């Protein structure tokens, strides 16, 4: 009789133990999935020097726009204050200087909820190769690609008429440049563990092809200086 009771007790303990382990596993899976899909609290403003990142930051904070180009050697941090964006989001303006940009980007990318990659639509062709390299680094990041952080490719200064290139023109030129970079940087990135998601994309490279692997790149136009950032705000309201 005592042996039977002992067996029943042990059986009940085993069931409880298994349920406890199963509960812990489910919690871990839920946490990992939540962490992977852009679950941070920060919007990163990234782009080359002069693209208008600081001006966009001021507009998102509703502090008005600054006149002229502001070159900074360290990041600027603020909070987005827009009616259409319900959640309070931290925003980081990552300096565009190539010597310091990557280090600051890496420091903040594990908290990234979304990335706005700003391009100067006037000087784009002059800076195309540097812009493509910069965008490649963002998309090739293991942290960004594994967490599937969405990226907005925003063409700024589109209000400047014929001098400004359209966002569609910029998209096509960057896709072509990124296609070449996927070849020239493949071996180097493989050694460092970066660029895996880019190497999977069917050639020729396209943002649509990249989306098949969970890395979404959307395009938009804006004029940060004149406060026309409606497309950016709309995108942030969906992904922020």
Protein backbone atom coordinates (compact mmCIF):
# COMPACT_ATOMS: atom_id res chain seq x y z
CA UNK A 1 0.00 0.00 0.00
CA UNK A 2 2.76 2.39 0.95
CA UNK A 3 4.69 1.46 -2.17
CA UNK A 4 1.62 2.22 -4.31
CA UNK A 5 1.17 5.62 -2.68
CA UNK A 6 4.86 6.35 -3.16
CA UNK A 7 4.64 5.47 -6.85
CA UNK A 8 1.59 7.70 -7.29
CA UNK A 9 3.38 10.55 -5.51
CA UNK A 10 6.46 10.14 -7.68
CA UNK A 11 4.29 10.00 -10.79
CA UNK A 12 2.54 13.23 -9.83
CA UNK A 13 5.88 14.93 -9.13
CA UNK A 14 7.20 13.87 -12.53
CA UNK A 15 4.13 15.29 -14.25
CA UNK A 16 4.50 18.57 -12.35
CA UNK A 17 8.19 18.70 -13.21
CA UNK A 18 7.48 18.11 -16.90
CA UNK A 19 4.79 20.80 -16.91
CA UNK A 20 7.20 23.22 -15.23
CA UNK A 21 9.94 22.52 -17.80
CA UNK A 22 7.43 22.87 -20.66
CA UNK A 23 6.25 26.21 -19.24
CA UNK A 24 9.82 27.51 -19.03
CA UNK A 25 10.53 26.42 -22.62
CA UNK A 26 7.38 28.14 -23.91
CA UNK A 27 8.30 31.34 -22.06
CA UNK A 28 11.80 31.27 -23.56
CA UNK A 29 10.43 30.73 -27.09
CA UNK A 30 7.96 33.59 -26.66
CA UNK A 31 10.71 35.88 -25.38
CA UNK A 32 13.11 35.00 -28.21
CA UNK A 33 10.46 35.52 -30.90
CA UNK A 34 9.43 38.83 -29.36
CA UNK A 35 13.06 39.97 -29.14
CA UNK A 36 13.87 39.00 -32.71
CA UNK A 37 11.20 40.99 -34.51
CA UNK A 38 12.29 44.57 -33.88
CA UNK A 39 11.10 44.68 -30.27
CA UNK A 40 13.34 47.57 -29.20
CA UNK A 41 12.36 51.07 -28.16
CA UNK A 42 14.63 53.12 -30.43
CA UNK A 43 14.40 54.61 -33.92
CA UNK A 44 17.83 55.05 -35.50
CA UNK A 45 18.33 57.91 -37.97
CA UNK A 46 21.16 56.83 -40.25
CA UNK A 47 22.73 58.33 -43.36
CA UNK A 48 25.65 60.20 -44.88
CA UNK A 49 26.79 63.64 -43.69
CA UNK A 50 24.44 66.38 -44.88
CA UNK A 51 21.48 64.07 -45.48
CA UNK A 52 19.35 65.99 -42.97
CA UNK A 53 19.23 63.60 -40.02
CA UNK A 54 19.50 66.28 -37.32
CA UNK A 55 16.79 68.36 -39.00
CA UNK A 56 14.54 65.29 -39.15
CA UNK A 57 15.23 64.61 -35.47
CA UNK A 58 14.15 68.15 -34.56
CA UNK A 59 10.98 67.79 -36.64
CA UNK A 60 10.12 64.46 -35.00
CA UNK A 61 10.56 66.12 -31.63
CA UNK A 62 8.43 69.05 -32.89
CA UNK A 63 11.17 71.55 -32.06
CA UNK A 64 11.23 73.05 -35.55
CA UNK A 65 14.04 72.79 -38.09
CA UNK A 66 17.61 74.01 -37.98
CA UNK A 67 19.05 75.98 -40.88
CA UNK A 68 22.10 74.66 -42.67
CA UNK A 69 24.08 71.48 -42.10
CA UNK A 70 24.91 70.34 -38.58
CA UNK A 71 27.94 68.03 -38.42
CA UNK A 72 28.28 66.16 -35.15
CA UNK A 73 30.91 63.73 -33.87
CA UNK A 74 28.55 62.12 -31.38
CA UNK A 75 24.98 60.90 -31.41
CA UNK A 76 22.00 63.08 -30.55
CA UNK A 77 19.20 61.44 -28.56
CA UNK A 78 15.60 62.60 -28.32
CA UNK A 79 12.00 61.43 -27.99
CA UNK A 80 9.48 61.37 -30.84
CA UNK A 81 6.47 63.55 -30.12
CA UNK A 82 3.88 63.03 -32.84
CA UNK A 83 0.13 62.52 -32.44
CA UNK A 84 -0.03 59.64 -34.94
CA UNK A 85 2.70 57.74 -33.07
CA UNK A 86 1.03 56.50 -29.90
CA UNK A 87 4.05 54.78 -28.37
CA UNK A 88 6.79 56.97 -26.91
CA UNK A 89 9.90 56.17 -28.93
CA UNK A 90 13.50 57.08 -28.28
CA UNK A 91 15.22 58.41 -31.41
CA UNK A 92 18.98 58.45 -32.03
CA UNK A 93 20.64 60.59 -34.70
CA UNK A 94 23.72 58.56 -35.69
CA UNK A 95 26.53 60.80 -37.06
CA UNK A 96 27.29 60.25 -40.74
CA UNK A 97 31.07 60.54 -40.47
CA UNK A 98 32.42 57.14 -41.60
CA UNK A 99 35.14 57.05 -38.91
CA UNK A 100 32.64 57.08 -36.04
CA UNK A 101 29.29 56.13 -37.58
CA UNK A 102 29.70 52.34 -37.41
CA UNK A 103 30.79 52.25 -33.76
CA UNK A 104 27.84 54.37 -32.63
CA UNK A 105 25.43 52.37 -34.80
CA UNK A 106 26.62 49.09 -33.25
CA UNK A 107 26.23 50.58 -29.77
CA UNK A 108 22.53 51.32 -30.34
CA UNK A 109 21.38 48.68 -32.85
CA UNK A 110 20.41 46.08 -30.23
CA UNK A 111 17.68 48.49 -29.07
CA UNK A 112 16.49 49.35 -32.58
CA UNK A 113 12.77 49.17 -33.26
CA UNK A 114 13.09 50.75 -36.71
CA UNK A 115 15.71 52.46 -38.88
CA UNK A 116 15.25 55.54 -41.06
CA UNK A 117 18.06 55.67 -43.63
CA UNK A 118 18.10 59.23 -44.96
CA UNK A 119 19.51 60.11 -48.39
CA UNK A 120 20.28 63.57 -49.78
CA UNK A 121 18.31 63.50 -53.05
CA UNK A 122 20.27 66.45 -54.47
CA UNK A 123 23.83 65.17 -53.97
CA UNK A 124 22.93 61.51 -54.31
CA UNK A 125 24.90 60.74 -57.49
CA UNK A 126 28.03 62.36 -56.07
CA UNK A 127 27.77 60.29 -52.88
CA UNK A 128 26.17 57.15 -54.35
CA UNK A 129 29.04 54.75 -53.68
CA UNK A 130 29.51 55.92 -50.07
CA UNK A 131 25.75 55.83 -49.46
CA UNK A 132 25.56 52.29 -50.86
CA UNK A 133 28.43 51.15 -48.61
CA UNK A 134 26.71 52.71 -45.61
CA UNK A 135 23.36 51.08 -46.40
CA UNK A 136 25.10 47.75 -47.01
CA UNK A 137 26.62 47.90 -43.51
CA UNK A 138 23.17 48.51 -42.02
CA UNK A 139 21.47 45.68 -43.89
CA UNK A 140 24.39 43.28 -43.37
CA UNK A 141 24.38 43.74 -39.59
CA UNK A 142 23.73 40.42 -37.84
CA UNK A 143 21.79 42.19 -35.08
CA UNK A 144 19.53 44.06 -37.50
CA UNK A 145 18.90 41.14 -39.86
CA UNK A 146 18.33 38.53 -37.11
CA UNK A 147 15.83 40.79 -35.34
CA UNK A 148 14.21 41.71 -38.68
CA UNK A 149 14.32 45.43 -37.93
CA UNK A 150 12.41 47.31 -40.69
CA UNK A 151 14.27 49.99 -42.66
CA UNK A 152 12.82 53.09 -44.32
CA UNK A 153 14.85 54.45 -47.23
CA UNK A 154 13.85 58.12 -47.18
CA UNK A 155 14.83 60.55 -49.93
CA UNK A 156 15.19 64.00 -48.31
CA UNK A 157 15.12 67.48 -49.94
CA UNK A 158 12.68 66.35 -52.63
CA UNK A 159 11.15 69.84 -52.61
CA UNK A 160 14.12 71.20 -54.58
CA UNK A 161 12.56 70.52 -57.98
CA UNK A 162 14.70 69.34 -60.89
CA UNK A 163 17.85 69.30 -58.74
CA UNK A 164 16.45 66.47 -56.61
CA UNK A 165 16.38 62.83 -57.68
CA UNK A 166 13.19 60.86 -57.09
CA UNK A 167 13.12 58.12 -54.46
CA UNK A 168 12.45 55.60 -57.24
CA UNK A 169 15.62 56.71 -59.06
CA UNK A 170 17.59 56.42 -55.82
CA UNK A 171 16.15 52.99 -55.05
CA UNK A 172 17.13 51.56 -58.43
CA UNK A 173 20.68 52.96 -58.29
CA UNK A 174 21.21 51.67 -54.76
CA UNK A 175 19.92 48.21 -55.65
CA UNK A 176 22.43 48.07 -58.50
CA UNK A 177 25.28 49.26 -56.26
CA UNK A 178 24.30 46.79 -53.52
CA UNK A 179 24.28 43.98 -56.07
CA UNK A 180 27.95 44.71 -56.82
CA UNK A 181 28.82 44.99 -53.13
CA UNK A 182 27.28 41.58 -52.43
CA UNK A 183 29.98 40.17 -54.72
CA UNK A 184 32.98 42.30 -53.76
CA UNK A 185 32.41 42.04 -50.00
CA UNK A 186 31.18 38.45 -49.82
CA UNK A 187 34.46 36.86 -48.66
CA UNK A 188 35.30 39.57 -46.12
CA UNK A 189 31.81 39.53 -44.62
CA UNK A 190 31.78 35.72 -44.46
CA UNK A 191 34.88 35.78 -42.25
CA UNK A 192 33.30 38.33 -39.91
CA UNK A 193 29.92 36.64 -39.81
CA UNK A 194 28.12 39.62 -41.38
CA UNK A 195 26.09 39.86 -44.58
CA UNK A 196 24.55 36.38 -44.45
CA UNK A 197 21.06 37.59 -45.30
CA UNK A 198 22.35 39.63 -48.26
CA UNK A 199 24.19 36.63 -49.69
CA UNK A 200 20.90 34.69 -49.80
CA UNK A 201 19.08 37.21 -51.98
CA UNK A 202 18.54 36.15 -55.58
CA UNK A 203 20.65 38.08 -58.07
CA UNK A 204 20.35 40.77 -59.26
CA UNK A 205 19.85 42.19 -55.78
CA UNK A 206 16.55 43.91 -54.97
CA UNK A 207 14.82 45.09 -51.81
CA UNK A 208 11.84 42.94 -52.81
CA UNK A 209 14.13 39.89 -52.83
CA UNK A 210 15.52 40.87 -49.43
CA UNK A 211 11.97 41.01 -48.02
CA UNK A 212 11.62 37.27 -48.68
CA UNK A 213 14.11 36.73 -45.84
CA UNK A 214 12.29 38.99 -43.40
CA UNK A 215 14.37 42.15 -43.94
CA UNK A 216 11.90 44.80 -45.07
CA UNK A 217 13.04 47.99 -46.83
CA UNK A 218 10.36 50.57 -47.66
CA UNK A 219 10.82 53.85 -49.54
CA UNK A 220 9.51 57.35 -48.82
CA UNK A 221 10.08 60.99 -49.74
CA UNK A 222 10.36 63.95 -47.40
CA UNK A 223 11.53 67.52 -46.89
CA UNK A 224 12.78 67.71 -43.32
CA UNK A 225 13.75 71.39 -43.55
CA UNK A 226 10.20 72.43 -44.49
CA UNK A 227 8.48 70.01 -42.13
CA UNK A 228 7.02 67.74 -44.80
CA UNK A 229 7.72 64.41 -43.10
CA UNK A 230 4.25 62.91 -43.43
CA UNK A 231 5.43 59.72 -45.12
CA UNK A 232 8.09 59.18 -42.47
CA UNK A 233 5.62 59.73 -39.62
CA UNK A 234 3.08 57.41 -41.25
CA UNK A 235 5.71 54.67 -41.59
CA UNK A 236 6.81 55.11 -37.99
CA UNK A 237 3.20 54.89 -36.82
CA UNK A 238 3.07 51.42 -38.42
CA UNK A 239 6.49 50.16 -37.37
CA UNK A 240 7.27 52.17 -34.23
